[in-house]
């Protein structure tokens, strides 16, 4: 880790121990500590990881395989497939994105952007959860098909969700090989989900899509606020693969609240995504 960040964390930690972590000053220092961490990760994210728009058969297969590992093998939301590829009807009009670990070439996560083009193509949220959307003006049915999309099937393999402290927990739990990934690289991995959302957002803007929807757990939406991603909840929490609610966002809402350090991260990801031709 950057030595200046280590020094700052040490000083902040000492002051927090003196004034008390739950005091106003202690909480403020805790927030400063998190912000410094975020700036560090934003700066170094692109050093270890890069977005990939899955436009080839090989990269799409990689995306489907990661989804199978997470949604079929680990979470058991979907049945196991003989070909180890998790796919559905929406993939015919979807654009998958991946995050690739530069050092190993392994893929650290995937997400897809469902992009209907004609009237009979529905978003997953429309087909399965349309009654959960109670915000009348932001109902996807109000907009042209080409102007809406849905972020779905975000998946991060277990290997990239383990921290350095878990290295001895055993291969069955998806342990990271300490000789493969550095300490700095491991610090980036909890932000892979943010990188995936930013990749999807970059693809949205690259293709001039106006309205984006996502079904997610409220706690995930709250965690996204840490970096300033303010999804607007457009309906109540329902039971859909766990407790989830429908959310909405557009490019203006995304930029309005995004923290400066993560704006840099988004800009870097946008620059890389824009190298790919529009679908």
C-alpha atoms as a PDB file:
ATOM      1  CA  UNK A   1       0.000   0.000   0.000  1.00  0.00           C
ATOM      2  CA  UNK A   2       1.049   3.618  -0.568  1.00  0.00           C
ATOM      3  CA  UNK A   3       3.227   4.613   2.407  1.00  0.00           C
ATOM      4  CA  UNK A   4       1.526   7.997   2.849  1.00  0.00           C
ATOM      5  CA  UNK A   5      -1.827   6.235   3.164  1.00  0.00           C
ATOM      6  CA  UNK A   6      -0.363   3.864   5.747  1.00  0.00           C
ATOM      7  CA  UNK A   7       0.984   6.813   7.741  1.00  0.00           C
ATOM      8  CA  UNK A   8      -2.337   8.654   7.583  1.00  0.00           C
ATOM      9  CA  UNK A   9      -4.263   5.548   8.650  1.00  0.00           C
ATOM     10  CA  UNK A  10      -1.883   5.094  11.591  1.00  0.00           C
ATOM     11  CA  UNK A  11      -2.319   8.698  12.746  1.00  0.00           C
ATOM     12  CA  UNK A  12      -6.096   8.573  12.318  1.00  0.00           C
ATOM     13  CA  UNK A  13      -6.234   5.276  14.198  1.00  0.00           C
ATOM     14  CA  UNK A  14      -4.309   6.722  17.142  1.00  0.00           C
ATOM     15  CA  UNK A  15      -6.507   9.813  17.339  1.00  0.00           C
ATOM     16  CA  UNK A  16      -9.663   7.676  17.157  1.00  0.00           C
ATOM     17  CA  UNK A  17      -8.393   5.552  20.039  1.00  0.00           C
ATOM     18  CA  UNK A  18      -7.881   8.718  22.106  1.00  0.00           C
ATOM     19  CA  UNK A  19     -11.146  10.542  21.364  1.00  0.00           C
ATOM     20  CA  UNK A  20     -13.249   7.387  21.041  1.00  0.00           C
ATOM     21  CA  UNK A  21     -14.478   5.769  17.843  1.00  0.00           C
ATOM     22  CA  UNK A  22     -18.113   6.597  18.626  1.00  0.00           C
ATOM     23  CA  UNK A  23     -17.501  10.269  19.381  1.00  0.00           C
ATOM     24  CA  UNK A  24     -18.351  12.890  16.757  1.00  0.00           C
ATOM     25  CA  UNK A  25     -14.676  13.417  16.011  1.00  0.00           C
ATOM     26  CA  UNK A  26     -14.051   9.674  15.960  1.00  0.00           C
ATOM     27  CA  UNK A  27     -16.861   9.125  13.465  1.00  0.00           C
ATOM     28  CA  UNK A  28     -15.640  12.028  11.337  1.00  0.00           C
ATOM     29  CA  UNK A  29     -12.140  10.574  11.302  1.00  0.00           C
ATOM     30  CA  UNK A  30     -13.610   7.208  10.378  1.00  0.00           C
ATOM     31  CA  UNK A  31     -15.288   8.834   7.394  1.00  0.00           C
ATOM     32  CA  UNK A  32     -12.014  10.484   6.402  1.00  0.00           C
ATOM     33  CA  UNK A  33     -10.263   7.135   6.662  1.00  0.00           C
ATOM     34  CA  UNK A  34     -12.809   5.529   4.336  1.00  0.00           C
ATOM     35  CA  UNK A  35     -12.494   8.389   1.861  1.00  0.00           C
ATOM     36  CA  UNK A  36      -8.706   8.025   1.762  1.00  0.00           C
ATOM     37  CA  UNK A  37      -9.144   4.312   1.175  1.00  0.00           C
ATOM     38  CA  UNK A  38     -11.584   5.012  -1.659  1.00  0.00           C
ATOM     39  CA  UNK A  39      -9.175   7.438  -3.304  1.00  0.00           C
ATOM     40  CA  UNK A  40      -6.400   4.876  -3.090  1.00  0.00           C
ATOM     41  CA  UNK A  41      -8.519   2.158  -4.668  1.00  0.00           C
ATOM     42  CA  UNK A  42      -9.806   4.473  -7.398  1.00  0.00           C
ATOM     43  CA  UNK A  43      -6.236   5.373  -8.271  1.00  0.00           C
ATOM     44  CA  UNK A  44      -4.962   1.818  -8.379  1.00  0.00           C
ATOM     45  CA  UNK A  45      -8.012  -0.005  -9.745  1.00  0.00           C
ATOM     46  CA  UNK A  46      -6.889   0.409 -13.341  1.00  0.00           C
ATOM     47  CA  UNK A  47      -3.407  -0.821 -12.464  1.00  0.00           C
ATOM     48  CA  UNK A  48      -4.692  -4.313 -11.739  1.00  0.00           C
ATOM     49  CA  UNK A  49      -8.101  -4.545 -13.407  1.00  0.00           C
ATOM     50  CA  UNK A  50      -9.708  -3.564 -16.700  1.00  0.00           C
ATOM     51  CA  UNK A  51     -13.230  -3.638 -18.153  1.00  0.00           C
ATOM     52  CA  UNK A  52     -14.006  -5.873 -21.111  1.00  0.00           C
ATOM     53  CA  UNK A  53     -17.153  -5.541 -23.219  1.00  0.00           C
ATOM     54  CA  UNK A  54     -17.998  -9.111 -24.188  1.00  0.00           C
ATOM     55  CA  UNK A  55     -18.554  -8.818 -27.925  1.00  0.00           C
ATOM     56  CA  UNK A  56     -16.841 -12.063 -28.953  1.00  0.00           C
ATOM     57  CA  UNK A  57     -18.137 -15.588 -28.491  1.00  0.00           C
ATOM     58  CA  UNK A  58     -15.231 -16.404 -26.171  1.00  0.00           C
ATOM     59  CA  UNK A  59     -15.794 -13.480 -23.809  1.00  0.00           C
ATOM     60  CA  UNK A  60     -19.555 -14.054 -23.743  1.00  0.00           C
ATOM     61  CA  UNK A  61     -18.863 -17.669 -22.789  1.00  0.00           C
ATOM     62  CA  UNK A  62     -16.600 -16.469 -19.965  1.00  0.00           C
ATOM     63  CA  UNK A  63     -19.448 -14.297 -18.694  1.00  0.00           C
ATOM     64  CA  UNK A  64     -21.961 -17.158 -18.823  1.00  0.00           C
ATOM     65  CA  UNK A  65     -19.517 -19.451 -17.013  1.00  0.00           C
ATOM     66  CA  UNK A  66     -18.994 -16.980 -14.155  1.00  0.00           C
ATOM     67  CA  UNK A  67     -22.751 -16.642 -13.841  1.00  0.00           C
ATOM     68  CA  UNK A  68     -23.057 -20.425 -13.622  1.00  0.00           C
ATOM     69  CA  UNK A  69     -20.465 -20.583 -10.844  1.00  0.00           C
ATOM     70  CA  UNK A  70     -22.251 -17.933  -8.806  1.00  0.00           C
ATOM     71  CA  UNK A  71     -25.961 -18.338  -9.590  1.00  0.00           C
ATOM     72  CA  UNK A  72     -26.093 -22.116 -10.121  1.00  0.00           C
ATOM     73  CA  UNK A  73     -23.246 -23.667  -8.148  1.00  0.00           C
ATOM     74  CA  UNK A  74     -22.881 -21.282  -5.209  1.00  0.00           C
ATOM     75  CA  UNK A  75     -26.218 -19.540  -4.657  1.00  0.00           C
ATOM     76  CA  UNK A  76     -28.357 -22.273  -6.275  1.00  0.00           C
ATOM     77  CA  UNK A  77     -30.760 -19.679  -7.667  1.00  0.00           C
ATOM     78  CA  UNK A  78     -30.768 -21.530 -10.987  1.00  0.00           C
ATOM     79  CA  UNK A  79     -30.410 -25.245 -11.868  1.00  0.00           C
ATOM     80  CA  UNK A  80     -27.017 -26.638 -12.804  1.00  0.00           C
ATOM     81  CA  UNK A  81     -26.328 -26.821 -16.537  1.00  0.00           C
ATOM     82  CA  UNK A  82     -24.337 -29.584 -18.213  1.00  0.00           C
ATOM     83  CA  UNK A  83     -22.327 -27.041 -20.198  1.00  0.00           C
ATOM     84  CA  UNK A  84     -21.635 -24.922 -17.069  1.00  0.00           C
ATOM     85  CA  UNK A  85     -23.072 -21.845 -18.783  1.00  0.00           C
ATOM     86  CA  UNK A  86     -25.920 -19.894 -17.184  1.00  0.00           C
ATOM     87  CA  UNK A  87     -28.035 -18.251 -19.882  1.00  0.00           C
ATOM     88  CA  UNK A  88     -31.624 -17.153 -20.381  1.00  0.00           C
ATOM     89  CA  UNK A  89     -33.924 -15.580 -22.961  1.00  0.00           C
ATOM     90  CA  UNK A  90     -32.663 -12.057 -22.243  1.00  0.00           C
ATOM     91  CA  UNK A  91     -29.114 -12.802 -23.370  1.00  0.00           C
ATOM     92  CA  UNK A  92     -30.238 -12.577 -26.990  1.00  0.00           C
ATOM     93  CA  UNK A  93     -30.508  -8.805 -26.595  1.00  0.00           C
ATOM     94  CA  UNK A  94     -27.960  -8.170 -23.856  1.00  0.00           C
ATOM     95  CA  UNK A  95     -24.433  -6.780 -23.689  1.00  0.00           C
ATOM     96  CA  UNK A  96     -22.254  -8.492 -21.061  1.00  0.00           C
ATOM     97  CA  UNK A  97     -19.319  -6.746 -19.409  1.00  0.00           C
ATOM     98  CA  UNK A  98     -16.435  -8.360 -17.561  1.00  0.00           C
ATOM     99  CA  UNK A  99     -13.651  -7.194 -15.286  1.00  0.00           C
ATOM    100  CA  UNK A 100     -10.320  -8.813 -16.135  1.00  0.00           C
ATOM    101  CA  UNK A 101      -7.396  -9.182 -13.745  1.00  0.00           C
ATOM    102  CA  UNK A 102      -4.425  -8.003 -15.784  1.00  0.00           C
ATOM    103  CA  UNK A 103      -1.787 -10.039 -13.991  1.00  0.00           C
ATOM    104  CA  UNK A 104      -3.406 -13.445 -14.459  1.00  0.00           C
ATOM    105  CA  UNK A 105      -5.805 -12.810 -17.329  1.00  0.00           C
ATOM    106  CA  UNK A 106      -8.588 -14.275 -15.175  1.00  0.00           C
ATOM    107  CA  UNK A 107     -12.002 -12.652 -15.134  1.00  0.00           C
ATOM    108  CA  UNK A 108     -12.946 -11.165 -11.762  1.00  0.00           C
ATOM    109  CA  UNK A 109     -16.630 -10.575 -12.397  1.00  0.00           C
ATOM    110  CA  UNK A 110     -19.377 -10.000 -14.897  1.00  0.00           C
ATOM    111  CA  UNK A 111     -22.564  -8.017 -15.346  1.00  0.00           C
ATOM    112  CA  UNK A 112     -24.946  -7.650 -18.255  1.00  0.00           C
ATOM    113  CA  UNK A 113     -26.948  -4.839 -19.743  1.00  0.00           C
ATOM    114  CA  UNK A 114     -30.308  -6.037 -21.066  1.00  0.00           C
ATOM    115  CA  UNK A 115     -31.154  -3.801 -24.024  1.00  0.00           C
ATOM    116  CA  UNK A 116     -34.514  -4.369 -25.729  1.00  0.00           C
ATOM    117  CA  UNK A 117     -34.843  -3.004 -29.249  1.00  0.00           C
ATOM    118  CA  UNK A 118     -38.321  -4.071 -30.346  1.00  0.00           C
ATOM    119  CA  UNK A 119     -41.716  -4.036 -28.645  1.00  0.00           C
ATOM    120  CA  UNK A 120     -41.925  -7.712 -27.693  1.00  0.00           C
ATOM    121  CA  UNK A 121     -38.548  -7.622 -25.920  1.00  0.00           C
ATOM    122  CA  UNK A 122     -39.063  -7.023 -22.201  1.00  0.00           C
ATOM    123  CA  UNK A 123     -36.658  -6.239 -19.412  1.00  0.00           C
ATOM    124  CA  UNK A 124     -36.442  -8.972 -16.737  1.00  0.00           C
ATOM    125  CA  UNK A 125     -37.938  -6.492 -14.278  1.00  0.00           C
ATOM    126  CA  UNK A 126     -40.913  -6.047 -16.628  1.00  0.00           C
ATOM    127  CA  UNK A 127     -41.503  -9.753 -17.109  1.00  0.00           C
ATOM    128  CA  UNK A 128     -41.154 -10.871 -13.506  1.00  0.00           C
ATOM    129  CA  UNK A 129     -41.581  -7.815 -11.264  1.00  0.00           C
ATOM    130  CA  UNK A 130     -43.533  -5.148 -13.160  1.00  0.00           C
ATOM    131  CA  UNK A 131     -46.145  -4.893 -10.389  1.00  0.00           C
ATOM    132  CA  UNK A 132     -43.383  -3.994  -7.941  1.00  0.00           C
ATOM    133  CA  UNK A 133     -42.770  -0.699  -9.773  1.00  0.00           C
ATOM    134  CA  UNK A 134     -45.127   1.814  -8.177  1.00  0.00           C
ATOM    135  CA  UNK A 135     -43.483   5.014  -9.445  1.00  0.00           C
ATOM    136  CA  UNK A 136     -45.852   5.919 -12.277  1.00  0.00           C
ATOM    137  CA  UNK A 137     -43.620   8.329 -14.191  1.00  0.00           C
ATOM    138  CA  UNK A 138     -40.556   6.058 -14.081  1.00  0.00           C
ATOM    139  CA  UNK A 139     -42.280   2.880 -15.213  1.00  0.00           C
ATOM    140  CA  UNK A 140     -40.193   1.441 -18.098  1.00  0.00           C
ATOM    141  CA  UNK A 141     -43.359   1.009 -20.148  1.00  0.00           C
ATOM    142  CA  UNK A 142     -43.487   4.804 -20.473  1.00  0.00           C
ATOM    143  CA  UNK A 143     -40.352   4.888 -22.623  1.00  0.00           C
ATOM    144  CA  UNK A 144     -39.239   3.676 -26.034  1.00  0.00           C
ATOM    145  CA  UNK A 145     -37.564   0.267 -26.004  1.00  0.00           C
ATOM    146  CA  UNK A 146     -34.241   1.643 -27.249  1.00  0.00           C
ATOM    147  CA  UNK A 147     -34.147   4.150 -24.375  1.00  0.00           C
ATOM    148  CA  UNK A 148     -34.332   1.625 -21.518  1.00  0.00           C
ATOM    149  CA  UNK A 149     -32.061  -1.064 -20.149  1.00  0.00           C
ATOM    150  CA  UNK A 150     -31.592  -3.194 -17.064  1.00  0.00           C
ATOM    151  CA  UNK A 151     -28.423  -4.061 -15.192  1.00  0.00           C
ATOM    152  CA  UNK A 152     -28.626  -7.678 -14.093  1.00  0.00           C
ATOM    153  CA  UNK A 153     -26.730 -10.891 -13.425  1.00  0.00           C
ATOM    154  CA  UNK A 154     -23.866  -9.202 -11.599  1.00  0.00           C
ATOM    155  CA  UNK A 155     -21.563 -11.969 -10.440  1.00  0.00           C
ATOM    156  CA  UNK A 156     -18.139 -11.992  -8.771  1.00  0.00           C
ATOM    157  CA  UNK A 157     -16.414 -15.395  -8.443  1.00  0.00           C
ATOM    158  CA  UNK A 158     -15.671 -16.542  -4.923  1.00  0.00           C
ATOM    159  CA  UNK A 159     -11.940 -16.368  -5.609  1.00  0.00           C
ATOM    160  CA  UNK A 160     -12.133 -12.607  -5.994  1.00  0.00           C
ATOM    161  CA  UNK A 161     -14.292 -12.070  -2.921  1.00  0.00           C
ATOM    162  CA  UNK A 162     -11.751 -13.472  -0.458  1.00  0.00           C
ATOM    163  CA  UNK A 163      -9.439 -11.204   1.510  1.00  0.00           C
ATOM    164  CA  UNK A 164      -5.820 -11.787   2.512  1.00  0.00           C
ATOM    165  CA  UNK A 165      -6.933 -12.936   5.962  1.00  0.00           C
ATOM    166  CA  UNK A 166      -8.824 -15.837   4.377  1.00  0.00           C
ATOM    167  CA  UNK A 167      -5.855 -17.286   2.517  1.00  0.00           C
ATOM    168  CA  UNK A 168      -5.609 -20.355   4.775  1.00  0.00           C
ATOM    169  CA  UNK A 169      -9.298 -21.247   4.751  1.00  0.00           C
ATOM    170  CA  UNK A 170      -8.789 -23.957   2.145  1.00  0.00           C
ATOM    171  CA  UNK A 171      -9.392 -24.567  -1.525  1.00  0.00           C
ATOM    172  CA  UNK A 172     -13.021 -25.564  -0.972  1.00  0.00           C
ATOM    173  CA  UNK A 173     -13.838 -21.994   0.033  1.00  0.00           C
ATOM    174  CA  UNK A 174     -12.194 -20.462  -3.043  1.00  0.00           C
ATOM    175  CA  UNK A 175      -8.978 -19.415  -1.346  1.00  0.00           C
ATOM    176  CA  UNK A 176      -6.703 -16.940  -3.117  1.00  0.00           C
ATOM    177  CA  UNK A 177      -3.183 -18.140  -3.740  1.00  0.00           C
ATOM    178  CA  UNK A 178      -0.946 -15.714  -1.856  1.00  0.00           C
ATOM    179  CA  UNK A 179       1.732 -16.074  -4.538  1.00  0.00           C
ATOM    180  CA  UNK A 180      -0.662 -15.035  -7.313  1.00  0.00           C
ATOM    181  CA  UNK A 181      -2.132 -11.804  -5.977  1.00  0.00           C
ATOM    182  CA  UNK A 182      -0.345  -8.983  -4.175  1.00  0.00           C
ATOM    183  CA  UNK A 183      -1.610  -7.180  -1.066  1.00  0.00           C
ATOM    184  CA  UNK A 184      -2.421  -4.071  -3.109  1.00  0.00           C
ATOM    185  CA  UNK A 185      -4.373  -6.138  -5.621  1.00  0.00           C
ATOM    186  CA  UNK A 186      -6.414  -7.775  -2.883  1.00  0.00           C
ATOM    187  CA  UNK A 187      -7.471  -4.354  -1.637  1.00  0.00           C
ATOM    188  CA  UNK A 188      -9.127  -3.671  -4.998  1.00  0.00           C
ATOM    189  CA  UNK A 189     -11.282  -6.785  -5.075  1.00  0.00           C
ATOM    190  CA  UNK A 190     -14.124  -5.568  -2.786  1.00  0.00           C
ATOM    191  CA  UNK A 191     -14.584  -2.769  -5.334  1.00  0.00           C
ATOM    192  CA  UNK A 192     -15.005  -5.114  -8.283  1.00  0.00           C
ATOM    193  CA  UNK A 193     -18.785  -4.753  -7.955  1.00  0.00           C
ATOM    194  CA  UNK A 194     -18.405  -0.985  -8.248  1.00  0.00           C
ATOM    195  CA  UNK A 195     -16.193  -1.482 -11.293  1.00  0.00           C
ATOM    196  CA  UNK A 196     -18.868  -3.689 -12.832  1.00  0.00           C
ATOM    197  CA  UNK A 197     -21.582  -1.098 -12.208  1.00  0.00           C
ATOM    198  CA  UNK A 198     -19.310   1.576 -13.672  1.00  0.00           C
ATOM    199  CA  UNK A 199     -18.654  -0.625 -16.711  1.00  0.00           C
ATOM    200  CA  UNK A 200     -22.384  -1.037 -17.232  1.00  0.00           C
ATOM    201  CA  UNK A 201     -22.877   2.714 -16.736  1.00  0.00           C
ATOM    202  CA  UNK A 202     -20.132   3.454 -19.255  1.00  0.00           C
ATOM    203  CA  UNK A 203     -21.840   1.145 -21.741  1.00  0.00           C
ATOM    204  CA  UNK A 204     -25.160   2.905 -21.094  1.00  0.00           C
ATOM    205  CA  UNK A 205     -23.621   6.285 -21.879  1.00  0.00           C
ATOM    206  CA  UNK A 206     -21.632   4.923 -24.814  1.00  0.00           C
ATOM    207  CA  UNK A 207     -24.904   3.796 -26.401  1.00  0.00           C
ATOM    208  CA  UNK A 208     -26.940   6.862 -25.347  1.00  0.00           C
ATOM    209  CA  UNK A 209     -29.460   4.876 -23.294  1.00  0.00           C
ATOM    210  CA  UNK A 210     -31.569   7.192 -21.142  1.00  0.00           C
ATOM    211  CA  UNK A 211     -33.157   5.039 -18.420  1.00  0.00           C
ATOM    212  CA  UNK A 212     -31.612   2.210 -16.395  1.00  0.00           C
ATOM    213  CA  UNK A 213     -33.291  -0.229 -14.006  1.00  0.00           C
ATOM    214  CA  UNK A 214     -31.991  -2.824 -11.573  1.00  0.00           C
ATOM    215  CA  UNK A 215     -33.488  -5.209  -9.007  1.00  0.00           C
ATOM    216  CA  UNK A 216     -31.234  -5.367  -5.971  1.00  0.00           C
ATOM    217  CA  UNK A 217     -31.087  -5.832  -2.245  1.00  0.00           C
ATOM    218  CA  UNK A 218     -31.629  -2.574  -0.340  1.00  0.00           C
ATOM    219  CA  UNK A 219     -28.376  -3.149   1.554  1.00  0.00           C
ATOM    220  CA  UNK A 220     -26.492  -3.206  -1.763  1.00  0.00           C
ATOM    221  CA  UNK A 221     -28.151   0.049  -2.776  1.00  0.00           C
ATOM    222  CA  UNK A 222     -27.080   1.534   0.558  1.00  0.00           C
ATOM    223  CA  UNK A 223     -23.513   0.356   0.093  1.00  0.00           C
ATOM    224  CA  UNK A 224     -23.412   1.966  -3.348  1.00  0.00           C
ATOM    225  CA  UNK A 225     -24.129   5.304  -1.682  1.00  0.00           C
ATOM    226  CA  UNK A 226     -20.670   5.099  -0.125  1.00  0.00           C
ATOM    227  CA  UNK A 227     -19.204   6.041  -3.500  1.00  0.00           C
ATOM    228  CA  UNK A 228     -22.114   8.326  -4.344  1.00  0.00           C
ATOM    229  CA  UNK A 229     -24.139   6.023  -6.600  1.00  0.00           C
ATOM    230  CA  UNK A 230     -27.656   7.114  -5.641  1.00  0.00           C
ATOM    231  CA  UNK A 231     -30.206   4.718  -7.091  1.00  0.00           C
ATOM    232  CA  UNK A 232     -33.816   5.879  -6.836  1.00  0.00           C
ATOM    233  CA  UNK A 233     -36.093   3.220  -5.377  1.00  0.00           C
ATOM    234  CA  UNK A 234     -39.229   3.004  -7.526  1.00  0.00           C
ATOM    235  CA  UNK A 235     -41.164   0.351  -5.628  1.00  0.00           C
ATOM    236  CA  UNK A 236     -41.357  -1.676  -2.421  1.00  0.00           C
ATOM    237  CA  UNK A 237     -39.137  -4.542  -1.359  1.00  0.00           C
ATOM    238  CA  UNK A 238     -40.428  -7.901  -2.602  1.00  0.00           C
ATOM    239  CA  UNK A 239     -39.306 -11.517  -2.329  1.00  0.00           C
ATOM    240  CA  UNK A 240     -37.413 -12.176  -5.572  1.00  0.00           C
ATOM    241  CA  UNK A 241     -34.306 -14.313  -5.056  1.00  0.00           C
ATOM    242  CA  UNK A 242     -34.284 -12.796  -1.588  1.00  0.00           C
ATOM    243  CA  UNK A 243     -35.503  -9.382  -0.487  1.00  0.00           C
ATOM    244  CA  UNK A 244     -35.063  -7.018  -3.423  1.00  0.00           C
ATOM    245  CA  UNK A 245     -36.536  -3.777  -4.664  1.00  0.00           C
ATOM    246  CA  UNK A 246     -36.691  -2.070  -8.068  1.00  0.00           C
ATOM    247  CA  UNK A 247     -34.317   0.851  -8.568  1.00  0.00           C
ATOM    248  CA  UNK A 248     -33.827   3.455 -11.271  1.00  0.00           C
ATOM    249  CA  UNK A 249     -30.891   5.604 -12.329  1.00  0.00           C
ATOM    250  CA  UNK A 250     -29.837   7.713 -15.296  1.00  0.00           C
ATOM    251  CA  UNK A 251     -26.534   9.393 -16.222  1.00  0.00           C
ATOM    252  CA  UNK A 252     -27.546  12.696 -14.601  1.00  0.00           C
ATOM    253  CA  UNK A 253     -28.402  11.020 -11.295  1.00  0.00           C
ATOM    254  CA  UNK A 254     -25.164   9.049 -11.439  1.00  0.00           C
ATOM    255  CA  UNK A 255     -22.943  12.097 -11.877  1.00  0.00           C
ATOM    256  CA  UNK A 256     -24.912  14.310  -9.492  1.00  0.00           C
ATOM    257  CA  UNK A 257     -23.753  12.538  -6.337  1.00  0.00           C
ATOM    258  CA  UNK A 258     -20.667  10.568  -7.350  1.00  0.00           C
ATOM    259  CA  UNK A 259     -17.664  11.243  -5.120  1.00  0.00           C
ATOM    260  CA  UNK A 260     -14.792  13.014  -6.926  1.00  0.00           C
ATOM    261  CA  UNK A 261     -12.342  10.132  -6.511  1.00  0.00           C
ATOM    262  CA  UNK A 262     -14.819   7.700  -8.047  1.00  0.00           C
ATOM    263  CA  UNK A 263     -15.624  10.102 -10.876  1.00  0.00           C
ATOM    264  CA  UNK A 264     -12.012   9.596 -11.895  1.00  0.00           C
ATOM    265  CA  UNK A 265     -12.483   5.836 -11.741  1.00  0.00           C
ATOM    266  CA  UNK A 266     -15.649   6.063 -13.856  1.00  0.00           C
ATOM    267  CA  UNK A 267     -13.914   8.305 -16.394  1.00  0.00           C
ATOM    268  CA  UNK A 268     -11.075   5.793 -16.704  1.00  0.00           C
ATOM    269  CA  UNK A 269     -13.535   2.956 -17.264  1.00  0.00           C
ATOM    270  CA  UNK A 270     -15.508   5.056 -19.762  1.00  0.00           C
ATOM    271  CA  UNK A 271     -12.343   5.723 -21.728  1.00  0.00           C
ATOM    272  CA  UNK A 272     -11.688   1.987 -22.012  1.00  0.00           C
ATOM    273  CA  UNK A 273     -15.294   1.045 -22.827  1.00  0.00           C
ATOM    274  CA  UNK A 274     -15.492   3.680 -25.564  1.00  0.00           C
ATOM    275  CA  UNK A 275     -12.781   1.812 -27.464  1.00  0.00           C
ATOM    276  CA  UNK A 276     -15.375  -0.849 -28.264  1.00  0.00           C
ATOM    277  CA  UNK A 277     -17.747  -0.293 -31.198  1.00  0.00           C
ATOM    278  CA  UNK A 278     -21.365   0.490 -30.325  1.00  0.00           C
ATOM    279  CA  UNK A 279     -23.636  -2.526 -30.600  1.00  0.00           C
END
